Protein backbone atom coordinates (compact mmCIF):
# COMPACT_ATOMS: atom_id res chain seq x y z
CA MET A 1 -77.57 63.03 -231.94
CA ALA A 2 -77.59 62.97 -235.69
CA ALA A 3 -75.59 65.80 -237.71
CA SER A 4 -78.74 66.27 -240.04
CA HIS A 5 -80.66 67.32 -237.03
CA VAL A 6 -78.54 70.06 -235.92
CA ARG A 7 -77.90 71.31 -239.53
CA ALA A 8 -81.39 71.78 -239.81
CA ASN A 9 -81.26 74.23 -236.98
CA ILE A 10 -79.65 76.67 -239.73
CA TRP A 11 -82.70 76.68 -242.07
CA LYS A 12 -85.04 76.33 -238.79
CA LEU A 13 -83.31 79.68 -237.32
CA TYR A 14 -83.62 81.66 -240.84
CA THR A 15 -87.25 80.55 -240.67
CA TYR A 16 -87.41 81.66 -237.08
CA SER A 17 -86.09 85.33 -238.03
CA PHE A 18 -88.22 86.06 -240.54
CA PHE A 19 -91.58 85.29 -238.90
CA HIS A 20 -90.00 86.76 -235.40
CA HIS A 21 -89.54 90.11 -237.49
CA LEU A 22 -92.67 89.97 -239.64
CA ILE A 23 -94.87 92.23 -237.38
CA PHE A 24 -97.59 93.95 -239.10
CA ALA A 25 -98.29 95.88 -236.20
CA TYR A 26 -95.09 97.95 -235.84
CA VAL A 27 -95.64 100.26 -238.38
CA VAL A 28 -99.04 101.75 -236.41
CA GLU A 29 -97.94 100.84 -233.09
CA ARG A 30 -98.07 104.13 -231.85
CA LEU A 31 -101.38 105.11 -233.96
CA PHE A 32 -103.08 101.86 -232.12
CA TRP A 33 -101.77 102.65 -228.67
CA ALA A 34 -103.41 106.83 -228.84
CA GLU A 35 -106.42 104.97 -230.33
CA ARG A 36 -106.44 102.79 -226.78
CA GLY A 37 -106.14 105.62 -224.68
CA VAL A 38 -102.37 105.20 -223.92
CA THR A 39 -100.88 108.91 -223.80
CA VAL A 40 -96.86 110.19 -224.54
CA GLN A 41 -95.91 110.22 -220.84
CA GLN A 42 -97.12 106.66 -220.42
CA VAL A 43 -95.77 105.62 -223.38
CA VAL A 44 -92.25 106.88 -221.86
CA PHE A 45 -93.21 105.17 -218.55
CA LEU A 46 -93.70 101.73 -220.54
CA GLU A 47 -90.33 102.13 -222.22
CA ILE A 48 -88.72 102.78 -218.54
CA LEU A 49 -90.28 99.68 -217.69
CA TYR A 50 -89.18 97.83 -220.78
CA SER A 51 -85.65 98.87 -220.63
CA GLY A 52 -85.30 98.22 -216.49
CA ILE A 53 -86.76 94.62 -217.03
CA VAL A 54 -84.22 93.85 -219.41
CA LEU A 55 -81.32 94.98 -217.73
CA VAL A 56 -82.45 93.07 -214.84
CA LEU A 57 -82.72 89.35 -216.68
CA GLU A 58 -80.40 90.01 -219.33
CA VAL A 59 -77.40 88.43 -217.69
CA PRO A 60 -79.10 85.66 -215.24
CA THR A 61 -81.43 84.28 -218.96
CA GLY A 62 -78.09 83.96 -220.68
CA ALA A 63 -76.46 82.33 -217.53
CA LEU A 64 -79.49 79.81 -217.57
CA ALA A 65 -78.97 79.03 -221.25
CA ASP A 66 -75.41 78.11 -220.78
CA ARG A 67 -76.46 76.09 -217.56
CA PHE A 68 -79.35 74.34 -218.91
CA SER A 69 -80.80 74.75 -222.45
CA ARG A 70 -80.45 77.38 -225.33
CA LYS A 71 -83.48 75.60 -227.01
CA VAL A 72 -85.82 76.06 -224.08
CA MET A 73 -84.85 79.96 -223.68
CA MET A 74 -85.90 80.19 -227.35
CA VAL A 75 -89.01 78.76 -226.87
CA LEU A 76 -89.88 80.55 -224.03
CA SER A 77 -89.02 83.56 -225.60
CA ALA A 78 -91.33 82.89 -228.52
CA ALA A 79 -94.10 82.03 -226.29
CA PHE A 80 -93.66 85.54 -224.03
CA ALA A 81 -93.75 87.04 -227.63
CA PHE A 82 -96.91 85.76 -228.54
CA GLY A 83 -98.23 86.50 -225.37
CA GLU A 84 -96.88 90.29 -225.54
CA VAL A 85 -99.08 90.45 -229.39
CA PHE A 86 -102.01 88.67 -227.91
CA SER A 87 -102.02 90.96 -224.85
CA LEU A 88 -102.11 94.02 -226.88
CA ILE A 89 -105.23 92.95 -228.85
CA TYR A 90 -106.98 92.99 -225.78
CA ALA A 91 -105.65 95.71 -224.22
CA ARG A 92 -107.46 98.69 -223.05
CA SER A 93 -105.81 100.31 -219.98
CA PHE A 94 -102.55 101.39 -218.88
CA PRO A 95 -102.01 98.08 -216.68
CA ALA A 96 -103.02 95.72 -219.20
CA PHE A 97 -100.30 97.71 -221.85
CA ALA A 98 -97.67 97.17 -219.10
CA GLY A 99 -98.50 93.66 -218.63
CA ALA A 100 -97.91 93.12 -222.60
CA ILE A 101 -94.75 95.00 -222.26
CA LEU A 102 -93.51 92.66 -219.27
CA SER A 103 -94.07 90.07 -221.66
CA ALA A 104 -92.15 91.56 -224.88
CA ALA A 105 -89.13 92.25 -222.17
CA VAL A 106 -88.57 88.79 -221.05
CA SER A 107 -88.93 87.86 -224.29
CA LYS A 108 -86.09 90.16 -225.28
CA ALA A 109 -84.07 88.73 -222.56
CA LEU A 110 -84.59 85.16 -222.67
CA ALA A 111 -83.21 85.40 -226.33
CA SER A 112 -80.63 87.81 -225.57
CA GLY A 113 -77.04 86.00 -226.06
CA THR A 114 -78.96 82.39 -226.57
CA SER A 115 -79.68 83.07 -230.21
CA ASN A 116 -75.94 83.81 -231.69
CA ALA A 117 -74.80 80.97 -228.77
CA LEU A 118 -77.43 78.58 -230.60
CA VAL A 119 -76.06 79.09 -234.24
CA TYR A 120 -72.50 78.81 -233.12
CA ASP A 121 -72.89 75.87 -231.25
CA SER A 122 -75.06 74.17 -234.03
CA LEU A 123 -72.24 75.42 -236.60
CA ALA A 124 -69.41 73.91 -234.25
CA MET A 125 -71.20 70.38 -233.95
CA ILE A 126 -70.87 70.31 -237.88
CA ARG A 127 -67.47 71.50 -237.94
CA ASP A 128 -68.81 74.60 -239.71
CA THR A 129 -67.79 77.61 -237.58
CA GLU A 130 -66.00 79.34 -240.33
CA HIS A 131 -69.09 80.46 -241.72
CA PHE A 132 -70.72 82.10 -238.38
CA GLU A 133 -70.91 85.66 -239.81
CA MET A 134 -72.36 84.32 -243.25
CA VAL A 135 -75.02 82.71 -241.43
CA LEU A 136 -75.47 85.06 -238.59
CA GLY A 137 -75.65 87.90 -241.54
CA ARG A 138 -78.19 86.00 -243.58
CA ILE A 139 -80.26 85.60 -240.35
CA ASN A 140 -80.38 89.55 -239.64
CA SER A 141 -80.81 90.15 -243.34
CA LEU A 142 -84.22 87.69 -243.30
CA GLY A 143 -85.21 89.95 -240.28
CA ARG A 144 -84.73 93.07 -242.11
CA ILE A 145 -86.49 91.92 -245.15
CA ALA A 146 -89.48 90.51 -243.12
CA GLY A 147 -89.55 93.74 -241.15
CA ALA A 148 -89.87 95.75 -244.52
CA VAL A 149 -92.49 93.28 -245.85
CA ALA A 150 -94.46 93.86 -242.50
CA ALA A 151 -93.93 97.87 -242.74
CA LEU A 152 -95.43 98.08 -246.51
CA ALA A 153 -98.04 95.09 -245.79
CA GLY A 154 -99.11 96.79 -242.22
CA ALA A 155 -99.60 100.47 -243.54
CA ALA A 156 -101.93 99.18 -246.19
CA ILE A 157 -103.83 96.40 -243.69
CA ALA A 158 -104.31 99.14 -241.34
CA SER A 159 -105.70 101.86 -243.97
CA ASN A 160 -108.06 99.96 -245.71
CA TYR A 161 -109.30 97.67 -242.41
CA SER A 162 -108.27 98.69 -239.05
CA LEU A 163 -105.44 99.03 -237.06
CA VAL A 164 -105.91 95.80 -234.39
CA SER A 165 -106.26 93.72 -237.70
CA THR A 166 -102.44 94.39 -238.02
CA TYR A 167 -102.06 92.60 -234.47
CA TRP A 168 -104.22 89.78 -235.53
CA LEU A 169 -101.65 89.19 -238.30
CA SER A 170 -98.88 89.51 -235.82
CA LEU A 171 -100.25 86.86 -233.90
CA VAL A 172 -100.20 84.40 -236.95
CA SER A 173 -96.22 85.21 -237.55
CA THR A 174 -95.42 84.99 -233.70
CA ALA A 175 -96.96 81.61 -233.48
CA CYS A 176 -95.35 80.58 -236.82
CA SER A 177 -91.81 81.06 -234.77
CA PHE A 178 -93.16 79.61 -231.60
CA LEU A 179 -93.51 76.21 -233.62
CA VAL A 180 -90.08 76.80 -235.29
CA ALA A 181 -88.48 77.18 -232.14
CA LEU A 182 -90.17 74.17 -230.83
CA SER A 183 -88.57 72.14 -233.89
CA LEU A 184 -85.02 73.39 -232.91
CA THR A 185 -82.39 70.66 -232.01
CA GLU A 186 -80.31 71.25 -228.68
CA PRO A 187 -76.80 71.39 -229.54
CA ARG A 188 -74.52 69.28 -227.59
CA GLN A 189 -72.00 71.64 -225.71
CA ARG A 190 -68.56 70.97 -224.41
CA THR A 191 -69.13 70.88 -220.45
CA SER A 192 -67.81 69.22 -217.59
CA ALA A 193 -69.77 66.43 -216.01
CA THR A 194 -70.77 68.16 -213.33
CA ARG A 195 -72.36 71.62 -214.11
CA PRO A 196 -71.79 74.64 -211.37
CA ALA A 197 -74.38 76.96 -210.09
CA VAL A 198 -75.88 79.67 -212.50
CA TRP A 199 -73.88 82.43 -210.42
CA SER A 200 -70.70 80.72 -211.29
CA TYR A 201 -71.34 81.46 -215.41
CA ILE A 202 -71.92 84.71 -214.75
CA ARG A 203 -68.69 85.22 -212.83
CA THR A 204 -66.67 83.00 -215.15
CA ALA A 205 -67.77 85.37 -218.18
CA TYR A 206 -67.14 88.50 -216.28
CA TRP A 207 -63.77 87.36 -215.70
CA PHE A 208 -63.12 85.98 -219.37
CA LEU A 209 -64.01 89.66 -220.46
CA ARG A 210 -61.60 91.06 -217.88
CA ARG A 211 -58.95 88.82 -219.21
CA ARG A 212 -59.43 89.04 -222.68
CA ARG A 213 -58.51 92.45 -223.68
CA ASP A 214 -58.72 91.97 -227.66
CA VAL A 215 -62.16 90.48 -226.98
CA LEU A 216 -63.35 93.40 -224.64
CA ARG A 217 -61.92 95.94 -227.08
CA VAL A 218 -64.05 94.74 -229.96
CA VAL A 219 -67.11 94.08 -228.01
CA LEU A 220 -66.73 97.76 -226.67
CA HIS A 221 -66.16 98.80 -230.63
CA GLY A 222 -69.68 97.07 -231.07
CA ILE A 223 -71.38 98.58 -228.26
CA LEU A 224 -70.82 102.02 -229.61
CA ILE A 225 -72.38 101.52 -232.79
CA SER A 226 -75.19 99.67 -231.46
CA SER A 227 -75.76 102.56 -228.79
CA THR A 228 -75.66 105.42 -231.16
CA VAL A 229 -77.39 103.88 -234.32
CA VAL A 230 -80.21 103.33 -231.80
CA TYR A 231 -81.04 106.96 -232.03
CA VAL A 232 -80.29 107.43 -235.89
CA ASP A 233 -83.09 104.88 -235.71
CA GLU A 234 -85.62 106.04 -233.79
CA PHE A 235 -85.49 109.79 -235.36
CA TRP A 236 -85.31 109.62 -238.62
CA GLN A 237 -88.59 110.08 -239.35
CA LEU A 238 -88.23 113.98 -237.80
CA TYR A 239 -84.92 113.79 -239.85
CA LEU A 240 -86.40 113.45 -243.15
CA LYS A 241 -88.87 115.97 -242.09
CA GLU A 242 -86.38 118.49 -241.14
CA VAL A 243 -84.50 118.15 -244.46
CA ARG A 244 -88.03 118.51 -246.18
CA VAL A 245 -89.10 115.09 -247.39
CA ALA A 246 -92.57 114.70 -247.99
CA VAL A 247 -94.10 111.90 -245.71
CA VAL A 248 -95.20 109.67 -248.88
CA TYR A 249 -91.57 108.91 -249.24
CA PHE A 250 -91.18 107.82 -245.64
CA GLY A 251 -92.19 104.05 -246.40
CA THR A 252 -89.71 104.16 -249.40
CA PHE A 253 -86.93 105.34 -247.18
CA SER A 254 -87.83 102.90 -244.38
CA VAL A 255 -87.57 99.93 -247.19
CA GLY A 256 -84.38 101.31 -247.97
CA ILE A 257 -82.90 101.41 -244.45
CA SER A 258 -84.08 97.69 -244.80
CA PHE A 259 -81.80 96.85 -247.55
CA ALA A 260 -78.94 98.82 -246.24
CA LEU A 261 -78.83 96.69 -243.36
CA SER A 262 -79.71 93.84 -244.89
CA ALA A 263 -76.40 94.72 -247.80
CA GLY A 264 -73.92 95.06 -244.92
CA ALA A 265 -75.04 92.13 -243.04
CA LEU A 266 -74.43 89.84 -246.16
CA LEU A 267 -71.41 91.54 -246.73
CA SER A 268 -69.90 90.95 -243.29
CA HIS A 269 -68.67 87.37 -243.73
CA LYS A 270 -66.62 88.64 -246.77
CA LEU A 271 -65.09 91.04 -244.68
CA LYS A 272 -64.13 88.98 -241.82
CA HIS A 273 -60.32 88.08 -242.58
CA GLY A 274 -59.74 91.97 -243.94
CA ALA A 275 -61.36 92.97 -240.52
CA SER A 276 -58.90 90.82 -238.48
CA SER A 277 -56.47 93.57 -236.95
CA ASP A 278 -57.76 95.79 -234.37
CA TYR A 279 -57.37 98.78 -236.85
CA ALA A 280 -59.86 97.30 -239.31
CA TYR A 281 -62.48 97.53 -236.75
CA VAL A 282 -61.55 101.32 -235.74
CA ALA A 283 -61.61 102.16 -239.87
CA LEU A 284 -65.03 100.61 -239.85
CA LEU A 285 -66.07 102.29 -236.73
CA LEU A 286 -64.86 105.89 -237.98
CA GLY A 287 -66.62 105.20 -241.36
CA TYR A 288 -69.53 104.73 -239.63
CA GLY A 289 -69.59 107.50 -237.27
CA GLY A 290 -68.08 109.92 -240.61
CA ALA A 291 -71.68 108.77 -242.02
CA VAL A 292 -73.66 110.21 -239.20
CA LEU A 293 -71.80 113.17 -238.99
CA GLY A 294 -71.99 113.98 -242.43
CA ALA A 295 -75.85 113.12 -242.31
CA GLY A 296 -76.06 115.67 -239.25
CA LEU A 297 -73.82 118.46 -241.27
CA MET A 298 -75.73 117.94 -244.69
CA ARG A 299 -78.95 119.21 -243.15
CA SER A 300 -80.85 119.09 -246.38
CA ALA A 301 -81.77 115.70 -248.79
CA PHE A 302 -78.24 115.51 -249.54
CA GLY A 303 -78.00 113.81 -246.29
CA ILE A 304 -80.08 110.85 -246.62
CA PRO A 305 -77.20 108.89 -248.42
CA PHE A 306 -75.33 109.31 -245.38
CA VAL A 307 -77.87 108.14 -243.29
CA LEU A 308 -78.30 104.82 -245.70
CA LEU A 309 -74.28 104.77 -245.49
CA ALA A 310 -74.38 104.45 -241.47
CA TYR A 311 -76.88 101.98 -241.62
CA PHE A 312 -75.36 99.84 -244.09
CA THR A 313 -71.69 100.25 -241.89
CA SER A 314 -73.72 99.14 -238.99
CA GLY A 315 -75.21 96.25 -240.58
CA ILE A 316 -71.49 94.91 -241.26
CA TYR A 317 -70.39 95.26 -237.71
CA GLU A 318 -72.72 93.41 -235.91
CA PRO A 319 -72.00 89.92 -237.61
CA LEU A 320 -68.46 90.86 -237.27
CA VAL A 321 -68.28 91.75 -234.03
CA SER A 322 -70.52 88.66 -232.42
CA GLY A 323 -68.27 86.49 -234.57
CA TYR A 324 -64.86 87.69 -233.14
CA LEU A 325 -66.54 86.88 -229.62
CA HIS A 326 -68.03 83.62 -229.99
CA HIS A 327 -64.79 82.05 -232.03
CA ARG A 328 -63.16 82.84 -228.90
CA THR A 329 -65.50 82.12 -226.18
CA ALA A 330 -66.33 78.65 -224.88
CA SER A 331 -69.41 76.79 -225.54
CA GLU A 332 -70.28 76.56 -221.85
CA HIS A 333 -70.35 80.32 -221.36
CA ARG A 334 -71.28 81.68 -224.93
CA ALA A 335 -74.86 82.90 -224.31
CA THR A 336 -73.83 84.41 -220.68
CA VAL A 337 -70.65 86.85 -222.63
CA GLU A 338 -73.09 88.01 -225.12
CA SER A 339 -75.52 88.69 -222.27
CA PHE A 340 -72.80 90.96 -220.59
CA GLN A 341 -72.18 92.89 -223.83
CA SER A 342 -75.86 93.53 -224.43
CA LEU A 343 -76.08 94.92 -220.72
CA ALA A 344 -73.10 97.13 -221.16
CA ALA A 345 -74.83 98.27 -224.58
CA ARG A 346 -78.26 99.31 -223.04
CA ALA A 347 -76.42 101.16 -220.18
CA ILE A 348 -74.39 103.07 -222.70
CA THR A 349 -77.12 103.95 -224.58
CA SER A 350 -78.75 105.43 -221.69
CA LEU A 351 -76.09 108.02 -221.44
CA VAL A 352 -75.53 108.32 -224.93
CA GLY A 353 -79.40 109.09 -225.03
CA LEU A 354 -79.30 112.19 -222.48
CA GLY A 355 -76.90 113.95 -224.76
CA PHE A 356 -78.50 113.40 -227.67
CA GLY A 357 -81.83 114.12 -226.06
CA TRP A 358 -80.63 117.45 -224.52
CA VAL A 359 -78.85 118.46 -228.10
CA ALA A 360 -81.84 117.41 -230.31
CA SER A 361 -84.20 118.78 -227.92
CA HIS A 362 -82.47 122.38 -227.77
CA SER A 363 -81.61 122.60 -231.36
CA SER A 364 -82.61 119.83 -234.07
CA VAL A 365 -82.14 116.23 -234.95
CA SER A 366 -79.38 117.04 -237.35
CA ALA A 367 -77.62 118.78 -234.49
CA GLY A 368 -78.06 115.71 -232.37
CA TYR A 369 -76.48 113.68 -235.40
CA ILE A 370 -73.74 115.68 -235.46
CA PHE A 371 -73.24 115.37 -231.83
CA LEU A 372 -73.48 111.27 -232.37
CA GLY A 373 -70.87 111.39 -234.97
CA ILE A 374 -68.54 113.65 -232.72
CA THR A 375 -69.16 111.12 -229.81
CA VAL A 376 -68.03 108.24 -232.29
CA ALA A 377 -65.05 110.60 -233.42
CA CYS A 378 -64.21 111.19 -229.84
CA TYR A 379 -64.39 107.44 -228.66
CA VAL A 380 -61.81 106.55 -231.46
CA PHE A 381 -59.43 109.14 -230.93
CA SER A 382 -59.37 108.20 -227.49
CA TYR A 383 -58.65 105.04 -228.07
CA LEU A 384 -56.22 104.98 -230.52
CA ALA A 385 -54.48 107.40 -227.88
CA VAL A 386 -54.71 105.20 -225.02
CA ARG A 387 -53.75 102.34 -227.55
CA LYS A 388 -50.52 104.06 -228.63
CA GLY A 389 -49.56 104.84 -224.80
CA ARG A 390 -49.75 101.41 -224.07
CA VAL A 391 -47.79 99.99 -226.94
CA GLU A 392 -44.96 102.81 -225.93
CA GLU A 393 -44.79 101.49 -222.64
CA ASP A 394 -44.53 97.97 -223.51
CA ASP A 395 -41.34 98.75 -225.81
């Protein structure tokens, strides 16, 4: 296998990320669904369906990627993403929308763990894993930039033409990502001559995380950020409304979010060596939690910089956590281990959501942000107390 072919995977994955996130329809998604007769209650049912399917398929698809082929999983993921958009264009009933959500969930599960493993193994073949965090940061950054471009363009297209026109353009984007996925080269993995059954990959990945406490700790830190930032992301529009920011500025703020995440992702590789200790990760986690807490406490437009700081910190964290995991995981179990991380993140996200939802519904989104910040702080201080106790026992 020519090294140049594997090296080309990197720029192809940059391109894939851009087109995969260039979805013009997301900015008007809820309006389009309502126009086609989908009620708020049905949206909730569809969200539950999506989460349930991803939870069930998350780890098995990661094991399949390790056992058979990462490229095939990426191609199938892109195909299901294309199928989702195509289905939504013609969807006019709840079962039709459920079918589209099924396709979206399968697409997500197929790519979970697989894409980052493909990046790392491609770099491993050209002996350049040192730059994994930088490459992953650029991939994430390009995705965010594409999302910002799509949001601005999608809103304009929907206003001047029709809501469904944004889906037709999104179909072109998903077709491009599918073609890029087809052109990827499968990197050679360091595996034994005889490959075990898929279940063996799942079992080995589980015991790897049980044995490697250092990896498990960093992964848990990352899970806490991902399980809380999702609610910052889902409800920032209501937060801006609470602090009396005019709707006309929402698009500008959305672009600001994309740039904050992109800046964090691009900076992450420069902090890799400085964040090599566990306490450095904890310090970043405290910075993130403090930013979310500050946004909630301000309850005014002065809280907006704190929201952007939270996004910026989470943007730094994701490549660092993925890099820490992949640098220490064997090639043949890389996708499965990351799928376990994603599975745990979804479970904890649900638990955090129960508390956030109760606080936000009984008080305000700002109070919900305070709850998220306190949750992060409680985790950090509990973790430090347990860690200190273990150190004293070892002494």
